[in-house]
Amino acid sequence: MSQDNEPTLEKLDDYNGKESPEKRRVIWLVVLAALAVGAIFASFEMGSPKKDLVESVPKSDAK
């Protein structure tokens, strides 16, 4: 019992590779922007000094 007012996949504008070039461009820009933001955060993480490193005390100074 299907209703006639519900859209099917074939009625959608961008189904099965029929999307507009503008939609493709927007998707690529979003993906590239996400990768760029991830790369920026990764470079900050790799460049920052590690705070959890334990410094060793030379044996002559140990009590």
N, C-alpha and C. Protein backbone atom coordinates (compact mmCIF):
# COMPACT_ATOMS: atom_id res chain seq x y z
N MET A 1 0.83 -1.17 0.00
CA MET A 1 0.00 0.00 0.00
C MET A 1 0.89 1.25 0.00
N SER A 2 1.33 1.66 -1.14
CA SER A 2 2.19 2.84 -1.24
C SER A 2 1.36 4.08 -1.53
N GLN A 3 1.85 5.18 -1.03
CA GLN A 3 1.18 6.45 -1.27
C GLN A 3 1.77 7.11 -2.50
N ASP A 4 0.94 7.77 -3.28
CA ASP A 4 1.39 8.37 -4.53
C ASP A 4 2.19 9.65 -4.32
N ASN A 5 2.07 10.29 -3.16
CA ASN A 5 2.75 11.56 -2.96
C ASN A 5 4.17 11.40 -2.44
N GLU A 6 4.61 10.19 -2.18
CA GLU A 6 5.97 9.98 -1.71
C GLU A 6 6.93 9.89 -2.91
N PRO A 7 8.06 10.58 -2.84
CA PRO A 7 9.00 10.53 -3.97
C PRO A 7 9.73 9.19 -4.03
N THR A 8 10.05 8.79 -5.22
CA THR A 8 10.87 7.59 -5.41
C THR A 8 12.28 8.05 -5.77
N LEU A 9 13.22 7.14 -5.73
CA LEU A 9 14.60 7.49 -6.05
C LEU A 9 14.73 8.00 -7.49
N GLU A 10 13.98 7.45 -8.40
CA GLU A 10 14.07 7.87 -9.80
C GLU A 10 13.57 9.29 -10.01
N LYS A 11 12.70 9.78 -9.12
CA LYS A 11 12.17 11.14 -9.27
C LYS A 11 13.11 12.20 -8.70
N LEU A 12 14.10 11.80 -7.91
CA LEU A 12 15.03 12.76 -7.33
C LEU A 12 15.96 13.30 -8.41
N ASP A 13 16.31 14.59 -8.29
CA ASP A 13 17.14 15.24 -9.32
C ASP A 13 18.54 14.68 -9.39
N ASP A 14 19.13 14.35 -8.25
CA ASP A 14 20.54 13.95 -8.25
C ASP A 14 20.73 12.46 -7.95
N TYR A 15 19.80 11.63 -8.35
CA TYR A 15 19.93 10.20 -8.16
C TYR A 15 20.65 9.57 -9.35
N ASN A 16 21.50 8.60 -9.06
CA ASN A 16 22.16 7.79 -10.08
C ASN A 16 23.05 8.62 -11.01
N GLY A 17 23.88 9.49 -10.42
CA GLY A 17 24.86 10.23 -11.21
C GLY A 17 24.33 11.38 -12.01
N LYS A 18 23.13 11.86 -11.72
CA LYS A 18 22.56 12.97 -12.49
C LYS A 18 22.63 14.29 -11.73
N GLU A 19 23.59 14.42 -10.79
CA GLU A 19 23.68 15.65 -10.03
C GLU A 19 24.27 16.76 -10.89
N SER A 20 24.00 17.98 -10.49
CA SER A 20 24.48 19.12 -11.26
C SER A 20 25.97 19.34 -10.99
N PRO A 21 26.67 19.98 -11.93
CA PRO A 21 28.10 20.28 -11.71
C PRO A 21 28.33 21.17 -10.49
N GLU A 22 27.37 22.04 -10.19
CA GLU A 22 27.50 22.90 -9.02
C GLU A 22 27.49 22.08 -7.73
N LYS A 23 26.64 21.06 -7.65
CA LYS A 23 26.61 20.21 -6.47
C LYS A 23 27.92 19.43 -6.32
N ARG A 24 28.46 18.96 -7.43
CA ARG A 24 29.75 18.26 -7.38
C ARG A 24 30.86 19.18 -6.86
N ARG A 25 30.86 20.42 -7.33
CA ARG A 25 31.86 21.39 -6.91
C ARG A 25 31.75 21.68 -5.41
N VAL A 26 30.54 21.83 -4.93
CA VAL A 26 30.33 22.11 -3.50
C VAL A 26 30.81 20.94 -2.66
N ILE A 27 30.50 19.73 -3.09
CA ILE A 27 30.94 18.55 -2.33
C ILE A 27 32.46 18.47 -2.30
N TRP A 28 33.11 18.71 -3.44
CA TRP A 28 34.57 18.69 -3.47
C TRP A 28 35.16 19.77 -2.58
N LEU A 29 34.56 20.95 -2.57
CA LEU A 29 35.06 22.03 -1.72
C LEU A 29 34.92 21.68 -0.24
N VAL A 30 33.82 21.06 0.13
CA VAL A 30 33.63 20.66 1.53
C VAL A 30 34.65 19.60 1.92
N VAL A 31 34.89 18.62 1.06
CA VAL A 31 35.87 17.57 1.35
C VAL A 31 37.27 18.17 1.46
N LEU A 32 37.65 19.04 0.54
CA LEU A 32 38.98 19.66 0.58
C LEU A 32 39.14 20.56 1.80
N ALA A 33 38.09 21.27 2.18
CA ALA A 33 38.17 22.12 3.36
C ALA A 33 38.35 21.27 4.62
N ALA A 34 37.65 20.16 4.70
CA ALA A 34 37.79 19.27 5.86
C ALA A 34 39.20 18.69 5.93
N LEU A 35 39.76 18.31 4.80
CA LEU A 35 41.13 17.80 4.78
C LEU A 35 42.14 18.89 5.17
N ALA A 36 41.91 20.11 4.72
CA ALA A 36 42.81 21.21 5.07
C ALA A 36 42.76 21.50 6.57
N VAL A 37 41.58 21.53 7.14
CA VAL A 37 41.45 21.78 8.58
C VAL A 37 42.12 20.65 9.36
N GLY A 38 41.93 19.41 8.93
CA GLY A 38 42.58 18.28 9.58
C GLY A 38 44.10 18.36 9.50
N ALA A 39 44.61 18.79 8.36
CA ALA A 39 46.06 18.93 8.20
C ALA A 39 46.61 20.03 9.10
N ILE A 40 45.87 21.12 9.24
CA ILE A 40 46.31 22.20 10.12
C ILE A 40 46.36 21.73 11.57
N PHE A 41 45.32 21.05 12.02
CA PHE A 41 45.32 20.54 13.39
C PHE A 41 46.42 19.51 13.61
N ALA A 42 46.68 18.67 12.62
CA ALA A 42 47.74 17.67 12.74
C ALA A 42 49.11 18.33 12.81
N SER A 43 49.31 19.39 12.04
CA SER A 43 50.61 20.06 12.09
C SER A 43 50.81 20.75 13.43
N PHE A 44 49.76 21.32 14.03
CA PHE A 44 49.88 21.91 15.36
C PHE A 44 50.21 20.84 16.39
N GLU A 45 49.57 19.70 16.27
CA GLU A 45 49.81 18.61 17.23
C GLU A 45 51.24 18.07 17.12
N MET A 46 51.74 17.95 15.91
CA MET A 46 53.09 17.42 15.73
C MET A 46 54.16 18.44 16.10
N GLY A 47 53.86 19.73 15.97
CA GLY A 47 54.84 20.76 16.25
C GLY A 47 54.89 21.19 17.69
N SER A 48 53.88 20.86 18.47
CA SER A 48 53.86 21.31 19.86
C SER A 48 54.71 20.39 20.72
N PRO A 49 55.37 20.96 21.73
CA PRO A 49 56.18 20.10 22.62
C PRO A 49 55.27 19.20 23.44
N LYS A 50 55.74 18.02 23.69
CA LYS A 50 54.96 17.05 24.45
C LYS A 50 55.07 17.37 25.94
N LYS A 51 53.97 17.47 26.62
CA LYS A 51 53.95 17.84 28.02
C LYS A 51 54.02 16.63 28.94
N ASP A 52 53.80 15.47 28.40
CA ASP A 52 53.75 14.28 29.26
C ASP A 52 55.07 13.50 29.28
N LEU A 53 56.14 14.06 28.76
CA LEU A 53 57.42 13.37 28.78
C LEU A 53 58.05 13.48 30.18
N VAL A 54 58.61 12.40 30.64
CA VAL A 54 59.27 12.37 31.95
C VAL A 54 60.75 12.61 31.73
N GLU A 55 61.27 13.62 32.41
CA GLU A 55 62.70 13.90 32.30
C GLU A 55 63.45 13.01 33.28
N SER A 56 64.51 12.42 32.82
CA SER A 56 65.29 11.54 33.69
C SER A 56 66.30 12.36 34.48
N VAL A 57 66.52 11.96 35.71
CA VAL A 57 67.48 12.62 36.58
C VAL A 57 68.78 11.85 36.50
N PRO A 58 69.90 12.54 36.27
CA PRO A 58 71.19 11.81 36.25
C PRO A 58 71.44 11.11 37.58
N LYS A 59 72.11 9.97 37.54
CA LYS A 59 72.33 9.18 38.75
C LYS A 59 73.16 9.92 39.80
N SER A 60 74.03 10.81 39.40
CA SER A 60 74.86 11.53 40.38
C SER A 60 74.02 12.51 41.19
N ASP A 61 72.91 12.99 40.65
CA ASP A 61 72.07 13.93 41.39
C ASP A 61 70.98 13.24 42.19
N ALA A 62 70.79 11.96 41.97
CA ALA A 62 69.73 11.23 42.67
C ALA A 62 70.10 11.04 44.12
N LYS A 63 69.12 11.03 45.01
CA LYS A 63 69.35 10.86 46.44
C LYS A 63 69.21 9.43 46.84
